[in-house]
Amino acid sequence: MGESTLRYDTFTGGDHAAFAQVLYRCFGQTGDFERNDRWVAMHDPADLRTLRSGDRLVGTLVMLRMGQVFGGRVVPTLGLAGVGVEPDVRGRGVARTMLESFLREAREREYPLSTLYPSTYAFYRGLGYERAGSRWSLEVEPERLARPRGEGVETRPAAPSDEPVLRELWNRFAALHPGQLARNDYLELRARGPEGKEAHAAR
């Protein structure tokens, strides 16, 4: 398989099953096929990219149109997710060809930044990415929180109607912490249903 035989392409409706299968073979340890199938369906087809060898889909990636907050301003960021390559064609430059095409597209679309959570540092560093920022999580039992007057806290499953308030709270936090992601529809959906779990809102 030579680089000239590979074609970076847009996603079509007929690609859905093959796209999800590549993700399942690459990330199957994190869930069953149906979970990968649902994840593909979460995204706008216009943000999905494929790499083909002839008529065969051999590589996948998802573009996430996001932003990072610096100095109180949101800087456009093109996130990268769902990078997968069929196991039998690995080690032949498939992933590099796909990512180089992605980065050219990001530049043409005038995105100043691109971000991802890398599965391997060496590969992405070779493409120009560097480690930056931090990832952390906090856990607290909502019932232990107290209002200013000491009343208890009511909790309920988070709903779409909560998103404007939650997004505003997060963006106020992000304005004080440079580099934080600005919330968008995709991130809100992930926050409302993290890893298949049910998120709750407190008041």
N, C-alpha and C. Protein backbone atom coordinates (compact mmCIF):
# COMPACT_ATOMS: atom_id res chain seq x y z
N MET A 1 0.85 -1.19 0.00
CA MET A 1 0.00 0.00 0.00
C MET A 1 0.88 1.24 0.00
N GLY A 2 0.90 1.97 -1.09
CA GLY A 2 1.69 3.18 -1.17
C GLY A 2 0.86 4.39 -0.79
N GLU A 3 1.55 5.49 -0.44
CA GLU A 3 0.85 6.69 -0.03
C GLU A 3 -0.05 7.20 -1.15
N SER A 4 0.38 6.99 -2.42
CA SER A 4 -0.39 7.49 -3.55
C SER A 4 -1.73 6.79 -3.70
N THR A 5 -1.86 5.62 -3.09
CA THR A 5 -3.13 4.88 -3.21
C THR A 5 -4.11 5.29 -2.12
N LEU A 6 -3.68 6.10 -1.16
CA LEU A 6 -4.54 6.51 -0.06
C LEU A 6 -5.26 7.81 -0.39
N ARG A 7 -6.52 7.91 0.01
CA ARG A 7 -7.32 9.09 -0.29
C ARG A 7 -8.03 9.58 0.96
N TYR A 8 -7.70 10.79 1.36
CA TYR A 8 -8.37 11.47 2.48
C TYR A 8 -9.69 11.99 1.96
N ASP A 9 -10.79 11.64 2.62
CA ASP A 9 -12.09 11.90 2.03
C ASP A 9 -13.11 12.31 3.09
N THR A 10 -14.22 12.84 2.61
CA THR A 10 -15.33 13.18 3.50
C THR A 10 -16.17 11.94 3.77
N PHE A 11 -17.00 12.05 4.78
CA PHE A 11 -17.86 10.96 5.22
C PHE A 11 -19.17 10.97 4.43
N THR A 12 -19.63 9.79 4.09
CA THR A 12 -20.94 9.67 3.46
C THR A 12 -21.82 8.77 4.31
N GLY A 13 -23.13 8.82 4.09
CA GLY A 13 -24.05 8.01 4.89
C GLY A 13 -23.72 6.54 4.83
N GLY A 14 -23.22 6.09 3.69
CA GLY A 14 -22.89 4.68 3.55
C GLY A 14 -21.66 4.26 4.31
N ASP A 15 -20.91 5.22 4.87
CA ASP A 15 -19.69 4.91 5.62
C ASP A 15 -19.95 4.57 7.08
N HIS A 16 -21.16 4.81 7.57
CA HIS A 16 -21.40 4.75 9.01
C HIS A 16 -20.96 3.42 9.63
N ALA A 17 -21.40 2.30 9.09
CA ALA A 17 -21.09 1.00 9.68
C ALA A 17 -19.59 0.73 9.65
N ALA A 18 -18.94 1.02 8.52
CA ALA A 18 -17.49 0.77 8.42
C ALA A 18 -16.72 1.68 9.36
N PHE A 19 -17.16 2.93 9.48
CA PHE A 19 -16.52 3.89 10.39
C PHE A 19 -16.58 3.37 11.82
N ALA A 20 -17.77 2.95 12.24
CA ALA A 20 -17.95 2.43 13.60
C ALA A 20 -17.16 1.15 13.82
N GLN A 21 -17.03 0.32 12.79
CA GLN A 21 -16.26 -0.91 12.92
C GLN A 21 -14.79 -0.63 13.14
N VAL A 22 -14.24 0.36 12.44
CA VAL A 22 -12.84 0.73 12.66
C VAL A 22 -12.63 1.17 14.10
N LEU A 23 -13.52 2.02 14.60
CA LEU A 23 -13.41 2.48 15.98
C LEU A 23 -13.52 1.32 16.96
N TYR A 24 -14.41 0.39 16.68
CA TYR A 24 -14.58 -0.76 17.56
C TYR A 24 -13.31 -1.61 17.59
N ARG A 25 -12.69 -1.83 16.42
CA ARG A 25 -11.47 -2.63 16.40
C ARG A 25 -10.31 -1.91 17.06
N CYS A 26 -10.35 -0.56 17.05
CA CYS A 26 -9.27 0.20 17.68
C CYS A 26 -9.51 0.46 19.16
N PHE A 27 -10.78 0.67 19.54
CA PHE A 27 -11.10 1.05 20.91
C PHE A 27 -12.12 0.11 21.55
N GLY A 28 -12.22 -1.10 21.05
CA GLY A 28 -13.22 -2.04 21.53
C GLY A 28 -13.14 -2.34 23.00
N GLN A 29 -11.95 -2.14 23.58
CA GLN A 29 -11.81 -2.45 25.00
C GLN A 29 -12.58 -1.47 25.86
N THR A 30 -13.03 -0.35 25.30
CA THR A 30 -13.77 0.64 26.08
C THR A 30 -15.27 0.50 25.92
N GLY A 31 -15.73 -0.51 25.20
CA GLY A 31 -17.17 -0.68 25.05
C GLY A 31 -17.50 -1.61 23.91
N ASP A 32 -18.77 -1.90 23.76
CA ASP A 32 -19.19 -2.80 22.70
C ASP A 32 -19.38 -2.02 21.39
N PHE A 33 -19.68 -2.76 20.31
CA PHE A 33 -19.82 -2.12 19.00
C PHE A 33 -20.93 -1.08 19.02
N GLU A 34 -22.05 -1.38 19.69
CA GLU A 34 -23.17 -0.45 19.70
C GLU A 34 -22.78 0.89 20.29
N ARG A 35 -21.89 0.87 21.26
CA ARG A 35 -21.45 2.12 21.87
C ARG A 35 -20.68 2.97 20.86
N ASN A 36 -19.81 2.31 20.08
CA ASN A 36 -19.08 3.04 19.04
C ASN A 36 -20.03 3.54 17.96
N ASP A 37 -21.03 2.75 17.63
CA ASP A 37 -22.01 3.13 16.64
C ASP A 37 -22.77 4.38 17.08
N ARG A 38 -23.16 4.43 18.34
CA ARG A 38 -23.87 5.60 18.87
C ARG A 38 -22.96 6.83 18.87
N TRP A 39 -21.68 6.63 19.16
CA TRP A 39 -20.74 7.75 19.22
C TRP A 39 -20.59 8.39 17.85
N VAL A 40 -20.52 7.57 16.82
CA VAL A 40 -20.44 8.12 15.46
C VAL A 40 -21.68 8.95 15.16
N ALA A 41 -22.85 8.45 15.56
CA ALA A 41 -24.11 9.13 15.27
C ALA A 41 -24.23 10.46 16.01
N MET A 42 -23.44 10.67 17.08
CA MET A 42 -23.49 11.92 17.83
C MET A 42 -22.97 13.10 17.03
N HIS A 43 -22.15 12.83 16.03
CA HIS A 43 -21.42 13.90 15.35
C HIS A 43 -22.08 14.31 14.04
N ASP A 44 -21.88 15.57 13.70
CA ASP A 44 -22.31 16.07 12.40
C ASP A 44 -21.48 15.35 11.33
N PRO A 45 -22.11 14.72 10.35
CA PRO A 45 -21.35 14.03 9.31
C PRO A 45 -20.31 14.91 8.63
N ALA A 46 -20.56 16.23 8.61
CA ALA A 46 -19.60 17.15 7.99
C ALA A 46 -18.29 17.20 8.75
N ASP A 47 -18.26 16.71 9.99
CA ASP A 47 -17.05 16.74 10.81
C ASP A 47 -16.31 15.40 10.83
N LEU A 48 -16.77 14.44 10.06
CA LEU A 48 -16.14 13.12 10.02
C LEU A 48 -15.29 13.00 8.76
N ARG A 49 -14.11 12.41 8.92
CA ARG A 49 -13.21 12.22 7.80
C ARG A 49 -12.77 10.76 7.73
N THR A 50 -12.51 10.32 6.51
CA THR A 50 -12.08 8.94 6.30
C THR A 50 -10.79 8.92 5.49
N LEU A 51 -10.09 7.81 5.58
CA LEU A 51 -8.96 7.56 4.69
C LEU A 51 -9.26 6.24 3.98
N ARG A 52 -9.18 6.26 2.67
CA ARG A 52 -9.54 5.09 1.89
C ARG A 52 -8.36 4.57 1.10
N SER A 53 -8.32 3.27 0.99
CA SER A 53 -7.39 2.60 0.09
C SER A 53 -8.26 1.94 -0.97
N GLY A 54 -8.31 2.55 -2.16
CA GLY A 54 -9.27 2.09 -3.15
C GLY A 54 -10.67 2.36 -2.64
N ASP A 55 -11.51 1.34 -2.61
CA ASP A 55 -12.87 1.50 -2.10
C ASP A 55 -12.99 1.16 -0.62
N ARG A 56 -11.89 0.75 0.00
CA ARG A 56 -11.94 0.31 1.39
C ARG A 56 -11.65 1.45 2.35
N LEU A 57 -12.47 1.59 3.37
CA LEU A 57 -12.24 2.58 4.42
C LEU A 57 -11.25 1.99 5.41
N VAL A 58 -10.07 2.60 5.54
CA VAL A 58 -9.02 2.05 6.41
C VAL A 58 -8.66 2.98 7.56
N GLY A 59 -9.15 4.22 7.55
CA GLY A 59 -8.82 5.15 8.62
C GLY A 59 -9.97 6.10 8.91
N THR A 60 -10.06 6.54 10.16
CA THR A 60 -11.14 7.44 10.59
C THR A 60 -10.59 8.55 11.48
N LEU A 61 -11.26 9.67 11.46
CA LEU A 61 -11.02 10.72 12.46
C LEU A 61 -12.25 11.60 12.55
N VAL A 62 -12.38 12.27 13.70
CA VAL A 62 -13.48 13.18 13.96
C VAL A 62 -12.91 14.55 14.29
N MET A 63 -13.40 15.57 13.61
CA MET A 63 -13.01 16.94 13.90
C MET A 63 -14.00 17.53 14.90
N LEU A 64 -13.48 18.15 15.95
CA LEU A 64 -14.31 18.78 16.98
C LEU A 64 -14.09 20.29 16.94
N ARG A 65 -15.09 21.00 16.49
CA ARG A 65 -14.97 22.46 16.41
C ARG A 65 -15.19 23.04 17.80
N MET A 66 -14.11 23.51 18.41
CA MET A 66 -14.17 23.97 19.79
C MET A 66 -13.46 25.31 19.91
N GLY A 67 -13.19 25.70 21.14
CA GLY A 67 -12.44 26.91 21.41
C GLY A 67 -11.76 26.79 22.77
N GLN A 68 -10.65 27.49 22.92
CA GLN A 68 -9.95 27.57 24.21
C GLN A 68 -9.94 29.02 24.65
N VAL A 69 -10.09 29.22 25.95
CA VAL A 69 -10.20 30.57 26.49
C VAL A 69 -8.83 31.07 26.92
N PHE A 70 -8.41 32.18 26.35
CA PHE A 70 -7.16 32.85 26.72
C PHE A 70 -7.45 34.34 26.85
N GLY A 71 -7.13 34.89 28.02
CA GLY A 71 -7.36 36.32 28.24
C GLY A 71 -8.81 36.73 28.11
N GLY A 72 -9.72 35.80 28.46
CA GLY A 72 -11.13 36.12 28.38
C GLY A 72 -11.72 36.01 26.98
N ARG A 73 -10.89 35.63 26.00
CA ARG A 73 -11.37 35.48 24.63
C ARG A 73 -11.30 34.03 24.20
N VAL A 74 -12.23 33.61 23.38
CA VAL A 74 -12.26 32.23 22.89
C VAL A 74 -11.48 32.16 21.58
N VAL A 75 -10.42 31.35 21.60
CA VAL A 75 -9.60 31.14 20.40
C VAL A 75 -10.07 29.85 19.73
N PRO A 76 -10.43 29.91 18.44
CA PRO A 76 -10.92 28.70 17.76
C PRO A 76 -9.89 27.56 17.81
N THR A 77 -10.38 26.39 18.12
CA THR A 77 -9.54 25.20 18.24
C THR A 77 -10.21 24.04 17.51
N LEU A 78 -9.46 23.36 16.67
CA LEU A 78 -10.01 22.18 15.99
C LEU A 78 -9.52 20.95 16.72
N GLY A 79 -10.42 20.37 17.51
CA GLY A 79 -10.07 19.16 18.25
C GLY A 79 -10.03 17.95 17.34
N LEU A 80 -9.35 16.93 17.81
CA LEU A 80 -9.17 15.71 17.04
C LEU A 80 -9.55 14.52 17.92
N ALA A 81 -10.40 13.65 17.40
CA ALA A 81 -10.85 12.48 18.15
C ALA A 81 -11.11 11.34 17.18
N GLY A 82 -11.32 10.15 17.72
CA GLY A 82 -11.70 9.01 16.90
C GLY A 82 -10.69 8.64 15.83
N VAL A 83 -9.40 8.86 16.12
CA VAL A 83 -8.36 8.51 15.13
C VAL A 83 -8.17 6.99 15.18
N GLY A 84 -8.53 6.33 14.10
CA GLY A 84 -8.42 4.88 14.05
C GLY A 84 -7.89 4.40 12.72
N VAL A 85 -7.12 3.32 12.75
CA VAL A 85 -6.58 2.71 11.54
C VAL A 85 -6.78 1.21 11.63
N GLU A 86 -7.26 0.60 10.56
CA GLU A 86 -7.48 -0.83 10.55
C GLU A 86 -6.19 -1.56 10.93
N PRO A 87 -6.28 -2.55 11.82
CA PRO A 87 -5.08 -3.23 12.32
C PRO A 87 -4.18 -3.81 11.23
N ASP A 88 -4.73 -4.31 10.15
CA ASP A 88 -3.90 -4.99 9.15
C ASP A 88 -3.12 -4.05 8.24
N VAL A 89 -3.35 -2.72 8.35
CA VAL A 89 -2.59 -1.79 7.51
C VAL A 89 -1.73 -0.85 8.36
N ARG A 90 -1.60 -1.13 9.63
CA ARG A 90 -0.77 -0.28 10.48
C ARG A 90 0.71 -0.48 10.15
N GLY A 91 1.49 0.55 10.48
CA GLY A 91 2.91 0.47 10.22
C GLY A 91 3.28 0.79 8.79
N ARG A 92 2.34 1.32 8.02
CA ARG A 92 2.59 1.63 6.61
C ARG A 92 2.39 3.12 6.30
N GLY A 93 2.36 3.94 7.31
CA GLY A 93 2.22 5.37 7.09
C GLY A 93 0.79 5.84 6.90
N VAL A 94 -0.18 4.96 7.17
CA VAL A 94 -1.59 5.33 6.97
C VAL A 94 -2.00 6.46 7.91
N ALA A 95 -1.69 6.32 9.19
CA ALA A 95 -2.09 7.34 10.16
C ALA A 95 -1.41 8.67 9.86
N ARG A 96 -0.13 8.64 9.50
CA ARG A 96 0.58 9.89 9.20
C ARG A 96 -0.04 10.58 7.98
N THR A 97 -0.34 9.82 6.94
CA THR A 97 -0.97 10.41 5.76
C THR A 97 -2.29 11.07 6.14
N MET A 98 -3.09 10.39 6.95
CA MET A 98 -4.39 10.92 7.35
C MET A 98 -4.24 12.19 8.19
N LEU A 99 -3.34 12.17 9.17
CA LEU A 99 -3.17 13.33 10.05
C LEU A 99 -2.56 14.52 9.33
N GLU A 100 -1.64 14.28 8.41
CA GLU A 100 -1.07 15.39 7.65
C GLU A 100 -2.15 16.04 6.79
N SER A 101 -3.06 15.24 6.25
CA SER A 101 -4.18 15.79 5.48
C SER A 101 -5.12 16.59 6.38
N PHE A 102 -5.35 16.07 7.58
CA PHE A 102 -6.19 16.79 8.55
C PHE A 102 -5.58 18.14 8.91
N LEU A 103 -4.28 18.18 9.16
CA LEU A 103 -3.63 19.43 9.55
C LEU A 103 -3.63 20.43 8.41
N ARG A 104 -3.50 19.97 7.18
CA ARG A 104 -3.60 20.89 6.04
C ARG A 104 -5.01 21.48 5.96
N GLU A 105 -6.01 20.63 6.20
CA GLU A 105 -7.38 21.12 6.18
C GLU A 105 -7.61 22.13 7.30
N ALA A 106 -7.09 21.85 8.50
CA ALA A 106 -7.24 22.78 9.62
C ALA A 106 -6.61 24.13 9.29
N ARG A 107 -5.47 24.10 8.61
CA ARG A 107 -4.82 25.36 8.24
C ARG A 107 -5.63 26.10 7.19
N GLU A 108 -6.17 25.38 6.22
CA GLU A 108 -6.99 26.01 5.19
C GLU A 108 -8.23 26.65 5.78
N ARG A 109 -8.74 26.03 6.87
CA ARG A 109 -9.92 26.57 7.53
C ARG A 109 -9.56 27.63 8.57
N GLU A 110 -8.26 27.97 8.65
CA GLU A 110 -7.74 29.05 9.49
C GLU A 110 -7.96 28.82 10.97
N TYR A 111 -7.81 27.57 11.41
CA TYR A 111 -7.81 27.28 12.84
C TYR A 111 -6.39 27.48 13.36
N PRO A 112 -6.20 28.35 14.36
CA PRO A 112 -4.85 28.58 14.89
C PRO A 112 -4.36 27.48 15.81
N LEU A 113 -5.28 26.68 16.37
CA LEU A 113 -4.90 25.64 17.32
C LEU A 113 -5.57 24.32 16.96
N SER A 114 -4.91 23.23 17.37
CA SER A 114 -5.51 21.90 17.28
C SER A 114 -5.14 21.16 18.56
N THR A 115 -6.10 20.46 19.13
CA THR A 115 -5.88 19.79 20.41
C THR A 115 -6.43 18.37 20.38
N LEU A 116 -5.89 17.53 21.25
CA LEU A 116 -6.37 16.16 21.37
C LEU A 116 -5.82 15.55 22.66
N TYR A 117 -6.41 14.41 23.05
CA TYR A 117 -5.83 13.57 24.09
C TYR A 117 -5.12 12.44 23.36
N PRO A 118 -3.79 12.46 23.29
CA PRO A 118 -3.07 11.47 22.48
C PRO A 118 -2.99 10.09 23.13
N SER A 119 -3.08 9.08 22.29
CA SER A 119 -2.89 7.72 22.77
C SER A 119 -1.41 7.36 22.82
N THR A 120 -0.60 8.07 22.04
CA THR A 120 0.85 7.87 22.04
C THR A 120 1.51 9.22 21.77
N TYR A 121 2.52 9.55 22.54
CA TYR A 121 3.14 10.87 22.40
C TYR A 121 4.07 10.97 21.21
N ALA A 122 4.85 9.96 20.95
CA ALA A 122 5.87 10.04 19.91
C ALA A 122 5.25 10.34 18.55
N PHE A 123 4.18 9.64 18.21
CA PHE A 123 3.56 9.83 16.90
C PHE A 123 3.06 11.26 16.72
N TYR A 124 2.31 11.78 17.68
CA TYR A 124 1.74 13.12 17.53
C TYR A 124 2.81 14.20 17.66
N ARG A 125 3.83 13.97 18.46
CA ARG A 125 4.93 14.93 18.54
C ARG A 125 5.63 15.06 17.18
N GLY A 126 5.73 13.93 16.47
CA GLY A 126 6.33 13.96 15.14
C GLY A 126 5.53 14.77 14.14
N LEU A 127 4.27 15.03 14.45
CA LEU A 127 3.41 15.83 13.58
C LEU A 127 3.33 17.29 14.03
N GLY A 128 4.03 17.63 15.12
CA GLY A 128 4.05 19.01 15.58
C GLY A 128 3.29 19.29 16.86
N TYR A 129 2.61 18.29 17.42
CA TYR A 129 1.91 18.49 18.68
C TYR A 129 2.91 18.40 19.84
N GLU A 130 2.57 19.08 20.93
CA GLU A 130 3.36 19.00 22.15
C GLU A 130 2.42 18.88 23.34
N ARG A 131 2.95 18.34 24.43
CA ARG A 131 2.15 18.19 25.64
C ARG A 131 1.91 19.56 26.26
N ALA A 132 0.69 19.79 26.70
CA ALA A 132 0.35 21.07 27.32
C ALA A 132 -0.89 20.87 28.18
N GLY A 133 -1.05 21.76 29.16
CA GLY A 133 -2.25 21.73 29.97
C GLY A 133 -2.26 20.60 30.98
N SER A 134 -3.44 20.33 31.48
CA SER A 134 -3.60 19.30 32.49
C SER A 134 -5.01 18.72 32.39
N ARG A 135 -5.15 17.53 32.93
CA ARG A 135 -6.47 16.90 32.98
C ARG A 135 -6.71 16.45 34.41
N TRP A 136 -7.86 16.81 34.96
CA TRP A 136 -8.14 16.45 36.34
C TRP A 136 -9.64 16.30 36.51
N SER A 137 -10.01 15.65 37.59
CA SER A 137 -11.43 15.46 37.89
C SER A 137 -11.64 15.63 39.38
N LEU A 138 -12.84 16.08 39.74
CA LEU A 138 -13.23 16.25 41.13
C LEU A 138 -14.51 15.47 41.37
N GLU A 139 -14.59 14.85 42.50
CA GLU A 139 -15.80 14.11 42.85
C GLU A 139 -16.28 14.56 44.23
N VAL A 140 -17.57 14.77 44.34
CA VAL A 140 -18.14 15.14 45.62
C VAL A 140 -19.58 14.63 45.66
N GLU A 141 -20.01 14.22 46.82
CA GLU A 141 -21.40 13.81 46.97
C GLU A 141 -22.26 15.07 47.08
N PRO A 142 -23.16 15.29 46.11
CA PRO A 142 -23.96 16.53 46.13
C PRO A 142 -24.67 16.77 47.44
N GLU A 143 -25.10 15.69 48.11
CA GLU A 143 -25.82 15.85 49.36
C GLU A 143 -24.97 16.49 50.45
N ARG A 144 -23.63 16.45 50.29
CA ARG A 144 -22.75 17.05 51.30
C ARG A 144 -22.56 18.55 51.08
N LEU A 145 -22.97 19.03 49.91
CA LEU A 145 -22.84 20.46 49.65
C LEU A 145 -23.89 21.21 50.47
N ALA A 146 -23.56 22.43 50.79
CA ALA A 146 -24.49 23.23 51.59
C ALA A 146 -24.70 24.59 50.93
N ARG A 147 -25.91 25.07 51.02
CA ARG A 147 -26.20 26.41 50.57
C ARG A 147 -25.66 27.40 51.60
N PRO A 148 -25.56 28.68 51.21
CA PRO A 148 -25.05 29.67 52.17
C PRO A 148 -25.77 29.65 53.52
N ARG A 149 -27.06 29.35 53.52
CA ARG A 149 -27.80 29.35 54.77
C ARG A 149 -27.84 27.97 55.41
N GLY A 150 -27.15 27.03 54.79
CA GLY A 150 -27.07 25.71 55.40
C GLY A 150 -28.12 24.74 54.97
N GLU A 151 -29.03 25.14 54.05
CA GLU A 151 -30.03 24.19 53.61
C GLU A 151 -29.39 23.08 52.79
N GLY A 152 -30.10 22.00 52.64
CA GLY A 152 -29.61 20.91 51.82
C GLY A 152 -29.64 21.28 50.34
N VAL A 153 -29.06 20.42 49.53
CA VAL A 153 -29.00 20.65 48.09
C VAL A 153 -29.89 19.62 47.40
N GLU A 154 -30.76 20.11 46.54
CA GLU A 154 -31.61 19.21 45.77
C GLU A 154 -30.88 18.81 44.49
N THR A 155 -30.94 17.54 44.16
CA THR A 155 -30.31 17.07 42.93
C THR A 155 -31.35 16.34 42.08
N ARG A 156 -31.11 16.35 40.80
CA ARG A 156 -31.96 15.63 39.85
C ARG A 156 -31.14 15.38 38.59
N PRO A 157 -31.55 14.44 37.77
CA PRO A 157 -30.83 14.20 36.52
C PRO A 157 -30.76 15.48 35.69
N ALA A 158 -29.57 15.77 35.15
CA ALA A 158 -29.39 16.95 34.31
C ALA A 158 -30.21 16.81 33.04
N ALA A 159 -30.78 17.92 32.60
CA ALA A 159 -31.63 17.92 31.41
C ALA A 159 -31.10 18.96 30.41
N PRO A 160 -31.49 18.84 29.15
CA PRO A 160 -31.05 19.84 28.15
C PRO A 160 -31.38 21.27 28.55
N SER A 161 -32.48 21.45 29.29
CA SER A 161 -32.86 22.81 29.70
C SER A 161 -31.87 23.42 30.68
N ASP A 162 -31.01 22.59 31.30
CA ASP A 162 -30.00 23.10 32.23
C ASP A 162 -28.77 23.64 31.51
N GLU A 163 -28.61 23.30 30.25
CA GLU A 163 -27.35 23.57 29.56
C GLU A 163 -26.98 25.04 29.48
N PRO A 164 -27.91 25.97 29.22
CA PRO A 164 -27.48 27.38 29.18
C PRO A 164 -26.87 27.85 30.49
N VAL A 165 -27.46 27.46 31.62
CA VAL A 165 -26.92 27.89 32.91
C VAL A 165 -25.58 27.21 33.18
N LEU A 166 -25.49 25.90 32.91
CA LEU A 166 -24.24 25.18 33.15
C LEU A 166 -23.13 25.71 32.26
N ARG A 167 -23.47 26.02 31.01
CA ARG A 167 -22.46 26.56 30.10
C ARG A 167 -21.96 27.91 30.57
N GLU A 168 -22.87 28.75 31.06
CA GLU A 168 -22.47 30.06 31.56
C GLU A 168 -21.58 29.92 32.79
N LEU A 169 -21.91 29.02 33.70
CA LEU A 169 -21.07 28.80 34.88
C LEU A 169 -19.69 28.33 34.48
N TRP A 170 -19.64 27.38 33.53
CA TRP A 170 -18.33 26.87 33.10
C TRP A 170 -17.51 27.97 32.43
N ASN A 171 -18.13 28.75 31.55
CA ASN A 171 -17.38 29.77 30.83
C ASN A 171 -16.88 30.87 31.76
N ARG A 172 -17.63 31.14 32.84
CA ARG A 172 -17.12 32.09 33.84
C ARG A 172 -15.89 31.52 34.53
N PHE A 173 -15.92 30.21 34.82
CA PHE A 173 -14.75 29.55 35.40
C PHE A 173 -13.58 29.57 34.43
N ALA A 174 -13.85 29.27 33.15
CA ALA A 174 -12.79 29.20 32.14
C ALA A 174 -12.12 30.55 31.94
N ALA A 175 -12.87 31.63 32.09
CA ALA A 175 -12.29 32.96 31.91
C ALA A 175 -11.19 33.24 32.93
N LEU A 176 -11.24 32.55 34.07
CA LEU A 176 -10.24 32.76 35.13
C LEU A 176 -9.10 31.74 35.06
N HIS A 177 -9.19 30.78 34.15
CA HIS A 177 -8.19 29.72 34.06
C HIS A 177 -7.79 29.53 32.60
N PRO A 178 -6.75 30.22 32.13
CA PRO A 178 -6.37 30.20 30.72
C PRO A 178 -6.16 28.78 30.18
N GLY A 179 -6.65 28.59 28.96
CA GLY A 179 -6.47 27.31 28.28
C GLY A 179 -7.64 26.36 28.42
N GLN A 180 -8.61 26.70 29.27
CA GLN A 180 -9.77 25.83 29.43
C GLN A 180 -10.59 25.81 28.14
N LEU A 181 -11.23 24.69 27.89
CA LEU A 181 -12.11 24.59 26.72
C LEU A 181 -13.40 25.36 26.97
N ALA A 182 -13.83 26.11 25.98
CA ALA A 182 -15.14 26.74 26.04
C ALA A 182 -16.18 25.68 25.74
N ARG A 183 -17.24 25.65 26.49
CA ARG A 183 -18.26 24.63 26.30
C ARG A 183 -19.00 24.84 24.96
N ASN A 184 -19.24 23.73 24.27
CA ASN A 184 -20.07 23.74 23.07
C ASN A 184 -21.09 22.62 23.18
N ASP A 185 -21.87 22.40 22.14
CA ASP A 185 -22.94 21.40 22.22
C ASP A 185 -22.39 20.01 22.49
N TYR A 186 -21.29 19.65 21.83
CA TYR A 186 -20.73 18.31 22.02
C TYR A 186 -20.23 18.11 23.44
N LEU A 187 -19.53 19.10 23.97
CA LEU A 187 -19.00 18.98 25.34
C LEU A 187 -20.13 18.96 26.36
N GLU A 188 -21.20 19.71 26.10
CA GLU A 188 -22.34 19.67 27.00
C GLU A 188 -22.97 18.28 27.01
N LEU A 189 -23.06 17.67 25.82
CA LEU A 189 -23.64 16.34 25.75
C LEU A 189 -22.78 15.34 26.50
N ARG A 190 -21.45 15.46 26.38
CA ARG A 190 -20.56 14.57 27.11
C ARG A 190 -20.66 14.78 28.61
N ALA A 191 -20.82 16.05 29.02
CA ALA A 191 -20.93 16.35 30.46
C ALA A 191 -22.23 15.82 31.02
N ARG A 192 -23.29 15.83 30.20
CA ARG A 192 -24.59 15.38 30.68
C ARG A 192 -24.68 13.85 30.73
N GLY A 193 -23.84 13.17 29.95
CA GLY A 193 -23.85 11.71 29.96
C GLY A 193 -22.43 11.17 29.89
N PRO A 194 -21.60 11.42 30.91
CA PRO A 194 -20.18 11.01 30.87
C PRO A 194 -20.01 9.50 30.89
N GLU A 195 -19.37 8.98 29.82
CA GLU A 195 -19.06 7.54 29.75
C GLU A 195 -20.28 6.68 30.05
N GLY A 196 -21.42 7.08 29.55
CA GLY A 196 -22.62 6.28 29.74
C GLY A 196 -23.28 6.42 31.11
N LYS A 197 -22.75 7.28 31.97
CA LYS A 197 -23.33 7.47 33.30
C LYS A 197 -24.31 8.64 33.26
N GLU A 198 -25.12 8.74 34.28
CA GLU A 198 -26.10 9.81 34.35
C GLU A 198 -25.55 10.95 35.19
N ALA A 199 -25.54 12.15 34.61
CA ALA A 199 -25.08 13.32 35.33
C ALA A 199 -26.25 13.96 36.06
N HIS A 200 -25.98 14.58 37.20
CA HIS A 200 -27.01 15.25 37.97
C HIS A 200 -26.69 16.73 38.12
N ALA A 201 -27.73 17.53 38.21
CA ALA A 201 -27.60 18.96 38.47
C ALA A 201 -28.07 19.23 39.89
N ALA A 202 -27.41 20.20 40.51
CA ALA A 202 -27.75 20.54 41.90
C ALA A 202 -28.20 21.98 41.96
N ARG A 203 -29.08 22.26 42.91
CA ARG A 203 -29.53 23.65 43.12
C ARG A 203 -29.80 23.87 44.60
